[in-house]
Each structure stands twice: as structure tokens, then as C-alpha cells.
N, C-alpha and C. Protein backbone atom coordinates (compact mmCIF):
# COMPACT_ATOMS: atom_id res chain seq x y z
N MET A 1 -61.30 48.75 33.09
CA MET A 1 -62.65 49.13 32.71
C MET A 1 -62.56 50.27 31.69
N ARG A 2 -63.29 50.13 30.60
CA ARG A 2 -63.34 51.14 29.54
C ARG A 2 -64.72 51.77 29.51
N ILE A 3 -64.76 53.05 29.21
CA ILE A 3 -66.02 53.78 29.15
C ILE A 3 -66.91 53.25 28.04
N ASP A 4 -68.18 53.15 28.33
CA ASP A 4 -69.20 52.79 27.36
C ASP A 4 -69.93 54.09 27.03
N TYR A 5 -69.55 54.73 25.92
CA TYR A 5 -70.08 56.05 25.60
C TYR A 5 -71.59 56.06 25.43
N GLU A 6 -72.13 54.99 24.88
CA GLU A 6 -73.58 54.91 24.68
C GLU A 6 -74.32 54.86 26.02
N ALA A 7 -73.80 54.06 26.95
CA ALA A 7 -74.43 53.95 28.27
C ALA A 7 -74.30 55.27 29.05
N ILE A 8 -73.13 55.89 28.97
CA ILE A 8 -72.93 57.17 29.68
C ILE A 8 -73.84 58.24 29.09
N ALA A 9 -74.07 58.22 27.80
CA ALA A 9 -74.97 59.19 27.17
C ALA A 9 -76.37 59.08 27.76
N LYS A 10 -76.83 57.86 27.96
CA LYS A 10 -78.16 57.65 28.54
C LYS A 10 -78.19 58.11 30.00
N THR A 11 -77.16 57.79 30.75
CA THR A 11 -77.08 58.21 32.15
C THR A 11 -77.07 59.72 32.26
N LEU A 12 -76.25 60.37 31.45
CA LEU A 12 -76.15 61.83 31.49
C LEU A 12 -77.47 62.49 31.07
N ALA A 13 -78.15 61.91 30.11
CA ALA A 13 -79.44 62.46 29.68
C ALA A 13 -80.42 62.47 30.84
N THR A 14 -80.43 61.39 31.59
CA THR A 14 -81.33 61.29 32.74
C THR A 14 -80.91 62.25 33.86
N LEU A 15 -79.62 62.27 34.17
CA LEU A 15 -79.14 63.09 35.29
C LEU A 15 -79.22 64.59 35.03
N THR A 16 -79.10 64.99 33.76
CA THR A 16 -79.03 66.43 33.46
C THR A 16 -80.32 67.00 32.87
N GLU A 17 -81.34 66.16 32.75
CA GLU A 17 -82.60 66.62 32.16
C GLU A 17 -83.12 67.86 32.89
N GLY A 18 -83.36 68.92 32.12
CA GLY A 18 -83.91 70.16 32.65
C GLY A 18 -82.90 71.09 33.31
N GLU A 19 -81.67 70.64 33.51
CA GLU A 19 -80.66 71.49 34.14
C GLU A 19 -80.03 72.44 33.12
N THR A 20 -79.89 73.70 33.48
CA THR A 20 -79.31 74.69 32.57
C THR A 20 -78.04 75.33 33.11
N ASP A 21 -77.75 75.14 34.39
CA ASP A 21 -76.55 75.74 34.98
C ASP A 21 -75.31 74.99 34.51
N SER A 22 -74.40 75.70 33.87
CA SER A 22 -73.24 75.03 33.27
C SER A 22 -72.33 74.40 34.30
N VAL A 23 -72.17 75.01 35.47
CA VAL A 23 -71.30 74.43 36.49
C VAL A 23 -71.91 73.14 37.04
N ALA A 24 -73.22 73.13 37.26
CA ALA A 24 -73.89 71.90 37.72
C ALA A 24 -73.75 70.80 36.67
N LEU A 25 -73.89 71.17 35.41
CA LEU A 25 -73.73 70.18 34.33
C LEU A 25 -72.31 69.64 34.28
N MET A 26 -71.33 70.53 34.42
CA MET A 26 -69.93 70.10 34.41
C MET A 26 -69.63 69.16 35.57
N ALA A 27 -70.10 69.52 36.77
CA ALA A 27 -69.84 68.70 37.95
C ALA A 27 -70.43 67.30 37.79
N THR A 28 -71.64 67.23 37.29
CA THR A 28 -72.31 65.95 37.11
C THR A 28 -71.59 65.12 36.05
N MET A 29 -71.26 65.76 34.94
CA MET A 29 -70.62 65.03 33.84
C MET A 29 -69.24 64.52 34.25
N VAL A 30 -68.45 65.36 34.90
CA VAL A 30 -67.09 64.96 35.24
C VAL A 30 -67.10 63.80 36.24
N CYS A 31 -68.04 63.78 37.16
CA CYS A 31 -68.15 62.68 38.11
C CYS A 31 -68.45 61.37 37.36
N GLU A 32 -69.41 61.41 36.46
CA GLU A 32 -69.76 60.21 35.70
C GLU A 32 -68.59 59.73 34.84
N LEU A 33 -67.92 60.65 34.15
CA LEU A 33 -66.81 60.27 33.28
C LEU A 33 -65.65 59.68 34.07
N HIS A 34 -65.28 60.35 35.14
CA HIS A 34 -64.09 59.95 35.90
C HIS A 34 -64.20 58.52 36.43
N HIS A 35 -65.39 58.13 36.82
CA HIS A 35 -65.58 56.81 37.40
C HIS A 35 -65.95 55.74 36.37
N ALA A 36 -65.97 56.12 35.09
CA ALA A 36 -66.38 55.19 34.03
C ALA A 36 -65.22 54.50 33.32
N ASP A 37 -63.98 54.94 33.59
CA ASP A 37 -62.85 54.42 32.82
C ASP A 37 -61.60 54.49 33.68
N ASP A 38 -60.92 53.37 33.84
CA ASP A 38 -59.73 53.38 34.70
C ASP A 38 -58.51 54.05 34.06
N ARG A 39 -58.63 54.47 32.81
CA ARG A 39 -57.56 55.27 32.19
C ARG A 39 -57.61 56.71 32.67
N PHE A 40 -58.77 57.14 33.15
CA PHE A 40 -59.00 58.55 33.52
C PHE A 40 -58.45 58.81 34.92
N ASP A 41 -57.24 59.37 34.97
CA ASP A 41 -56.57 59.64 36.23
C ASP A 41 -56.97 61.01 36.79
N TRP A 42 -57.22 61.96 35.92
CA TRP A 42 -57.70 63.30 36.29
C TRP A 42 -58.69 63.71 35.21
N THR A 43 -59.85 64.15 35.63
CA THR A 43 -60.91 64.50 34.69
C THR A 43 -61.53 65.81 35.14
N GLY A 44 -61.50 66.82 34.28
CA GLY A 44 -62.07 68.08 34.71
C GLY A 44 -62.26 69.09 33.60
N PHE A 45 -62.92 70.15 33.98
CA PHE A 45 -63.19 71.25 33.07
C PHE A 45 -62.34 72.46 33.41
N TYR A 46 -61.89 73.14 32.39
CA TYR A 46 -61.32 74.48 32.52
C TYR A 46 -62.27 75.41 31.78
N ARG A 47 -62.82 76.38 32.52
CA ARG A 47 -63.83 77.29 31.99
C ARG A 47 -63.20 78.54 31.39
N VAL A 48 -63.79 79.02 30.30
CA VAL A 48 -63.37 80.30 29.73
C VAL A 48 -63.99 81.38 30.61
N THR A 49 -63.12 82.15 31.29
CA THR A 49 -63.62 83.17 32.21
C THR A 49 -63.39 84.59 31.71
N GLU A 50 -62.49 84.71 30.75
CA GLU A 50 -62.24 85.98 30.07
C GLU A 50 -61.50 85.65 28.79
N PRO A 51 -61.44 86.59 27.86
CA PRO A 51 -60.77 86.28 26.59
C PRO A 51 -59.34 85.77 26.83
N GLY A 52 -59.04 84.62 26.24
CA GLY A 52 -57.70 84.07 26.29
C GLY A 52 -57.32 83.40 27.59
N LEU A 53 -58.29 83.15 28.50
CA LEU A 53 -57.94 82.57 29.79
C LEU A 53 -58.92 81.49 30.23
N LEU A 54 -58.36 80.37 30.69
CA LEU A 54 -59.14 79.27 31.26
C LEU A 54 -58.89 79.25 32.76
N LYS A 55 -59.96 78.97 33.53
CA LYS A 55 -59.82 78.77 34.98
C LYS A 55 -60.45 77.44 35.36
N ILE A 56 -59.88 76.84 36.39
CA ILE A 56 -60.34 75.52 36.83
C ILE A 56 -61.84 75.52 37.11
N GLY A 57 -62.47 74.45 36.69
CA GLY A 57 -63.88 74.22 36.97
C GLY A 57 -64.01 72.92 37.74
N PRO A 58 -65.18 72.32 37.72
CA PRO A 58 -65.37 71.05 38.42
C PRO A 58 -64.41 69.97 37.88
N TYR A 59 -63.86 69.19 38.83
CA TYR A 59 -62.94 68.12 38.43
C TYR A 59 -62.93 67.00 39.46
N GLN A 60 -62.36 65.87 39.05
CA GLN A 60 -62.13 64.71 39.91
C GLN A 60 -60.67 64.33 39.76
N GLY A 61 -60.03 64.07 40.88
CA GLY A 61 -58.61 63.73 40.88
C GLY A 61 -57.86 64.71 41.76
N GLY A 62 -56.53 64.68 41.66
CA GLY A 62 -55.70 65.61 42.44
C GLY A 62 -55.89 67.04 41.98
N HIS A 63 -55.23 67.95 42.67
CA HIS A 63 -55.37 69.37 42.33
C HIS A 63 -55.00 69.64 40.88
N GLY A 64 -55.75 70.54 40.24
CA GLY A 64 -55.44 70.97 38.88
C GLY A 64 -54.80 72.35 38.92
N CYS A 65 -54.30 72.79 37.79
CA CYS A 65 -53.79 74.15 37.69
C CYS A 65 -54.97 75.11 37.82
N LEU A 66 -54.74 76.25 38.44
CA LEU A 66 -55.84 77.20 38.65
C LEU A 66 -56.19 77.97 37.39
N THR A 67 -55.19 78.42 36.66
CA THR A 67 -55.43 79.17 35.42
C THR A 67 -54.51 78.66 34.32
N ILE A 68 -55.02 78.70 33.09
CA ILE A 68 -54.24 78.32 31.92
C ILE A 68 -54.54 79.31 30.80
N PRO A 69 -53.54 80.06 30.36
CA PRO A 69 -53.76 80.94 29.21
C PRO A 69 -53.93 80.12 27.93
N PHE A 70 -54.66 80.67 26.97
CA PHE A 70 -54.88 79.98 25.70
C PHE A 70 -53.57 79.67 24.97
N ASP A 71 -52.51 80.41 25.26
CA ASP A 71 -51.26 80.21 24.53
C ASP A 71 -50.30 79.22 25.22
N ARG A 72 -50.80 78.47 26.23
CA ARG A 72 -49.95 77.52 26.93
C ARG A 72 -50.61 76.16 27.06
N GLY A 73 -49.84 75.13 26.92
CA GLY A 73 -50.27 73.77 27.22
C GLY A 73 -51.28 73.17 26.26
N VAL A 74 -51.67 71.96 26.60
CA VAL A 74 -52.61 71.20 25.78
C VAL A 74 -54.01 71.82 25.87
N CYS A 75 -54.41 72.22 27.08
CA CYS A 75 -55.73 72.86 27.24
C CYS A 75 -55.80 74.16 26.46
N GLY A 76 -54.74 74.94 26.54
CA GLY A 76 -54.69 76.20 25.79
C GLY A 76 -54.76 75.96 24.30
N ALA A 77 -54.08 74.92 23.81
CA ALA A 77 -54.12 74.60 22.39
C ALA A 77 -55.53 74.23 21.94
N ALA A 78 -56.25 73.46 22.75
CA ALA A 78 -57.63 73.08 22.40
C ALA A 78 -58.53 74.31 22.39
N ALA A 79 -58.35 75.20 23.36
CA ALA A 79 -59.16 76.42 23.42
C ALA A 79 -58.83 77.35 22.25
N ARG A 80 -57.56 77.49 21.96
CA ARG A 80 -57.10 78.40 20.91
C ARG A 80 -57.52 77.93 19.51
N THR A 81 -57.39 76.62 19.25
CA THR A 81 -57.68 76.10 17.91
C THR A 81 -59.11 75.64 17.74
N GLY A 82 -59.78 75.35 18.86
CA GLY A 82 -61.13 74.79 18.79
C GLY A 82 -61.15 73.34 18.36
N GLU A 83 -60.00 72.69 18.43
CA GLU A 83 -59.89 71.30 17.99
C GLU A 83 -59.49 70.38 19.14
N VAL A 84 -59.94 69.14 19.07
CA VAL A 84 -59.56 68.13 20.06
C VAL A 84 -58.05 67.92 19.99
N GLN A 85 -57.44 67.83 21.16
CA GLN A 85 -56.01 67.55 21.25
C GLN A 85 -55.84 66.18 21.90
N ILE A 86 -55.19 65.26 21.19
CA ILE A 86 -54.83 63.97 21.76
C ILE A 86 -53.31 63.92 21.82
N VAL A 87 -52.79 63.77 23.02
CA VAL A 87 -51.34 63.78 23.23
C VAL A 87 -50.94 62.44 23.84
N ALA A 88 -50.22 61.65 23.05
CA ALA A 88 -49.81 60.31 23.49
C ALA A 88 -48.72 60.35 24.55
N ASP A 89 -47.87 61.40 24.48
CA ASP A 89 -46.76 61.55 25.43
C ASP A 89 -46.64 63.03 25.78
N VAL A 90 -47.11 63.40 26.98
CA VAL A 90 -47.12 64.82 27.34
C VAL A 90 -45.72 65.42 27.40
N ASP A 91 -44.71 64.61 27.68
CA ASP A 91 -43.34 65.13 27.73
C ASP A 91 -42.86 65.58 26.35
N ALA A 92 -43.48 65.08 25.29
CA ALA A 92 -43.09 65.45 23.93
C ALA A 92 -43.91 66.62 23.40
N PHE A 93 -44.89 67.12 24.18
CA PHE A 93 -45.74 68.23 23.73
C PHE A 93 -45.08 69.54 24.11
N PRO A 94 -44.74 70.38 23.11
CA PRO A 94 -44.09 71.66 23.42
C PRO A 94 -45.00 72.53 24.30
N GLY A 95 -44.45 72.99 25.41
CA GLY A 95 -45.19 73.88 26.28
C GLY A 95 -46.18 73.18 27.20
N HIS A 96 -46.08 71.86 27.34
CA HIS A 96 -46.99 71.14 28.22
C HIS A 96 -46.86 71.69 29.65
N ILE A 97 -48.00 71.90 30.29
CA ILE A 97 -48.03 72.36 31.67
C ILE A 97 -48.21 71.13 32.56
N ALA A 98 -47.23 70.86 33.39
CA ALA A 98 -47.28 69.68 34.25
C ALA A 98 -48.01 70.00 35.55
N CYS A 99 -49.33 69.88 35.52
CA CYS A 99 -50.11 70.10 36.74
C CYS A 99 -49.95 68.92 37.69
N ALA A 100 -49.72 67.72 37.14
CA ALA A 100 -49.49 66.52 37.95
C ALA A 100 -48.34 65.72 37.34
N ALA A 101 -47.41 65.33 38.17
CA ALA A 101 -46.25 64.57 37.69
C ALA A 101 -46.63 63.21 37.13
N SER A 102 -47.77 62.68 37.54
CA SER A 102 -48.18 61.34 37.11
C SER A 102 -48.75 61.30 35.69
N THR A 103 -49.09 62.46 35.12
CA THR A 103 -49.72 62.49 33.79
C THR A 103 -48.74 62.05 32.72
N ARG A 104 -49.17 61.06 31.92
CA ARG A 104 -48.35 60.56 30.81
C ARG A 104 -48.96 60.89 29.45
N SER A 105 -50.31 60.90 29.39
CA SER A 105 -50.99 61.24 28.14
C SER A 105 -52.26 62.01 28.49
N GLU A 106 -52.86 62.63 27.45
CA GLU A 106 -53.95 63.56 27.71
C GLU A 106 -54.84 63.71 26.48
N ILE A 107 -56.11 63.97 26.74
CA ILE A 107 -57.04 64.36 25.69
C ILE A 107 -57.77 65.60 26.19
N VAL A 108 -57.90 66.60 25.34
CA VAL A 108 -58.62 67.82 25.69
C VAL A 108 -59.60 68.13 24.57
N VAL A 109 -60.87 68.33 24.97
CA VAL A 109 -61.96 68.52 24.02
C VAL A 109 -62.63 69.87 24.26
N PRO A 110 -62.73 70.71 23.23
CA PRO A 110 -63.44 71.99 23.39
C PRO A 110 -64.92 71.77 23.74
N VAL A 111 -65.47 72.65 24.56
CA VAL A 111 -66.88 72.58 24.97
C VAL A 111 -67.58 73.82 24.44
N ARG A 112 -68.62 73.62 23.65
CA ARG A 112 -69.36 74.74 23.07
C ARG A 112 -70.80 74.72 23.56
N ASP A 113 -71.37 75.92 23.71
CA ASP A 113 -72.77 76.02 24.10
C ASP A 113 -73.65 75.95 22.85
N ALA A 114 -74.95 76.12 23.04
CA ALA A 114 -75.90 75.99 21.93
C ALA A 114 -75.65 77.02 20.83
N ALA A 115 -75.08 78.17 21.20
CA ALA A 115 -74.77 79.21 20.22
C ALA A 115 -73.46 78.95 19.48
N GLY A 116 -72.73 77.91 19.91
CA GLY A 116 -71.45 77.60 19.27
C GLY A 116 -70.27 78.30 19.90
N ASP A 117 -70.50 79.02 21.00
CA ASP A 117 -69.42 79.73 21.68
C ASP A 117 -68.62 78.78 22.57
N LEU A 118 -67.31 78.94 22.59
CA LEU A 118 -66.45 78.15 23.46
C LEU A 118 -66.69 78.57 24.90
N ILE A 119 -67.10 77.63 25.75
CA ILE A 119 -67.34 77.95 27.16
C ILE A 119 -66.34 77.27 28.09
N ALA A 120 -65.64 76.24 27.58
CA ALA A 120 -64.72 75.48 28.43
C ALA A 120 -63.96 74.49 27.56
N VAL A 121 -63.06 73.77 28.21
CA VAL A 121 -62.46 72.57 27.62
C VAL A 121 -62.58 71.46 28.66
N LEU A 122 -62.79 70.24 28.17
CA LEU A 122 -62.77 69.06 29.03
C LEU A 122 -61.38 68.46 28.91
N ASP A 123 -60.71 68.29 30.04
CA ASP A 123 -59.35 67.77 30.09
C ASP A 123 -59.38 66.42 30.80
N VAL A 124 -58.88 65.39 30.13
CA VAL A 124 -58.77 64.08 30.75
C VAL A 124 -57.31 63.65 30.66
N ASP A 125 -56.70 63.42 31.83
CA ASP A 125 -55.31 62.99 31.91
C ASP A 125 -55.26 61.52 32.28
N SER A 126 -54.22 60.85 31.80
CA SER A 126 -54.02 59.45 32.15
C SER A 126 -52.60 59.25 32.66
N ASP A 127 -52.45 58.32 33.58
CA ASP A 127 -51.12 57.96 34.06
C ASP A 127 -50.49 56.88 33.18
N ARG A 128 -51.15 56.61 32.04
CA ARG A 128 -50.66 55.64 31.05
C ARG A 128 -50.27 56.37 29.77
N PRO A 129 -49.20 55.96 29.12
CA PRO A 129 -48.86 56.58 27.83
C PRO A 129 -49.86 56.16 26.75
N ALA A 130 -50.08 57.04 25.81
CA ALA A 130 -50.92 56.75 24.64
C ALA A 130 -52.27 56.13 25.03
N ALA A 131 -52.91 56.71 26.03
CA ALA A 131 -54.14 56.12 26.56
C ALA A 131 -55.38 56.43 25.72
N PHE A 132 -55.31 57.46 24.87
CA PHE A 132 -56.51 57.93 24.18
C PHE A 132 -56.40 57.77 22.67
N ALA A 133 -57.58 57.56 22.05
CA ALA A 133 -57.64 57.35 20.60
C ALA A 133 -58.75 58.21 20.01
N ASP A 134 -58.86 58.15 18.69
CA ASP A 134 -59.91 58.92 18.00
C ASP A 134 -61.31 58.56 18.50
N ALA A 135 -61.51 57.29 18.89
CA ALA A 135 -62.82 56.88 19.40
C ALA A 135 -63.17 57.67 20.67
N ASP A 136 -62.17 57.99 21.49
CA ASP A 136 -62.42 58.80 22.68
C ASP A 136 -62.77 60.23 22.30
N ALA A 137 -62.08 60.76 21.31
CA ALA A 137 -62.39 62.12 20.84
C ALA A 137 -63.82 62.18 20.33
N THR A 138 -64.22 61.19 19.56
CA THR A 138 -65.58 61.14 19.03
C THR A 138 -66.60 60.98 20.15
N GLY A 139 -66.35 60.05 21.06
CA GLY A 139 -67.28 59.78 22.15
C GLY A 139 -67.43 60.96 23.09
N LEU A 140 -66.32 61.54 23.51
CA LEU A 140 -66.38 62.69 24.42
C LEU A 140 -67.02 63.90 23.75
N SER A 141 -66.68 64.13 22.49
CA SER A 141 -67.28 65.27 21.76
C SER A 141 -68.79 65.13 21.67
N ALA A 142 -69.26 63.91 21.43
CA ALA A 142 -70.71 63.67 21.34
C ALA A 142 -71.38 63.92 22.68
N LEU A 143 -70.76 63.47 23.76
CA LEU A 143 -71.34 63.69 25.09
C LEU A 143 -71.40 65.19 25.42
N LEU A 144 -70.35 65.91 25.09
CA LEU A 144 -70.32 67.35 25.37
C LEU A 144 -71.39 68.08 24.56
N ALA A 145 -71.56 67.69 23.31
CA ALA A 145 -72.59 68.31 22.48
C ALA A 145 -73.98 68.02 23.04
N GLN A 146 -74.17 66.80 23.51
CA GLN A 146 -75.45 66.39 24.09
C GLN A 146 -75.79 67.23 25.33
N VAL A 147 -74.80 67.44 26.20
CA VAL A 147 -75.05 68.11 27.47
C VAL A 147 -75.03 69.64 27.35
N PHE A 148 -74.09 70.19 26.59
CA PHE A 148 -73.91 71.64 26.57
C PHE A 148 -74.42 72.30 25.30
N GLY A 149 -74.68 71.53 24.26
CA GLY A 149 -75.11 72.10 23.00
C GLY A 149 -76.60 72.24 22.82
N ARG A 150 -77.35 72.01 23.87
CA ARG A 150 -78.81 72.05 23.76
C ARG A 150 -79.37 73.42 24.10
């Protein structure tokens, strides 16, 4: 099963209408995303809690890492650069943090609020190699902008 970004956008619009709490929005979004695509083995948010540091937020899947500095791993790279990171083979990514041994590939998307400030990153791990493409970066970025950029 592959995610239908257009359908999820409509579902999220309905589910999050009027909600302003970022944690509630993250929890709702991650639940919908995780169950929409069988490539998504771990789906979650890492929140910016202080300069240069991410802490685990709402997620679906096995345990995640509790903290990730901006200078480590794929999540840190997305937070540090402000750019989507698509990693086809996590073992080939310098400094990859292995929170789960089953992770083979990963996509991490920066999350910005309406003011354009980085508030989190969305991390999606797959137990399949090369599971993510530019279409996923585009689709996930649009969903994040819809939910958190308003």
C-alpha cells in the first residue's frame, strides 16, 4: 500500500481543523501517515526543544532515540540544513544514528511554523532499501506546510 498524499491532505484538514497545539497536531499526523503506507516502518517527530537539539515527539513504531543533536545523524542534518534528507542506504550515511537495527532507508523533512521557524523534523524510516523518492519529499513537505504552516 502506497500513501495517497491528496487523500491524506483531505483527511488531515478535517482532523486538525481548529487545532493549534503542535503536539496534538503531530500525534494526529503521525498516526495517519504511519498507517497509510507499508514502507513506513517508523514514523515520528523530533521536536526542537533548545538550540541545536531535537527531542522525541509523537511517533508510531518501536522506540526512537530520545535526543538527537543537530550535528548528528539524518535528523540532525535536516534540522541543521533546513533541507529534506533522503537516504537510500542508512549504512552509507556518515554519522547515521541507528535507533533501530531494522532501518534500511530514511526520509527526514524539516517542519516549520507559520513564522518560518524550525519547530521539528518529521522522520520516516523504512525496513526497505531506497524506499523514498522526490515525490515523497514533495508530498510530505506539502502536508507539513498545510498542518503547521497556518
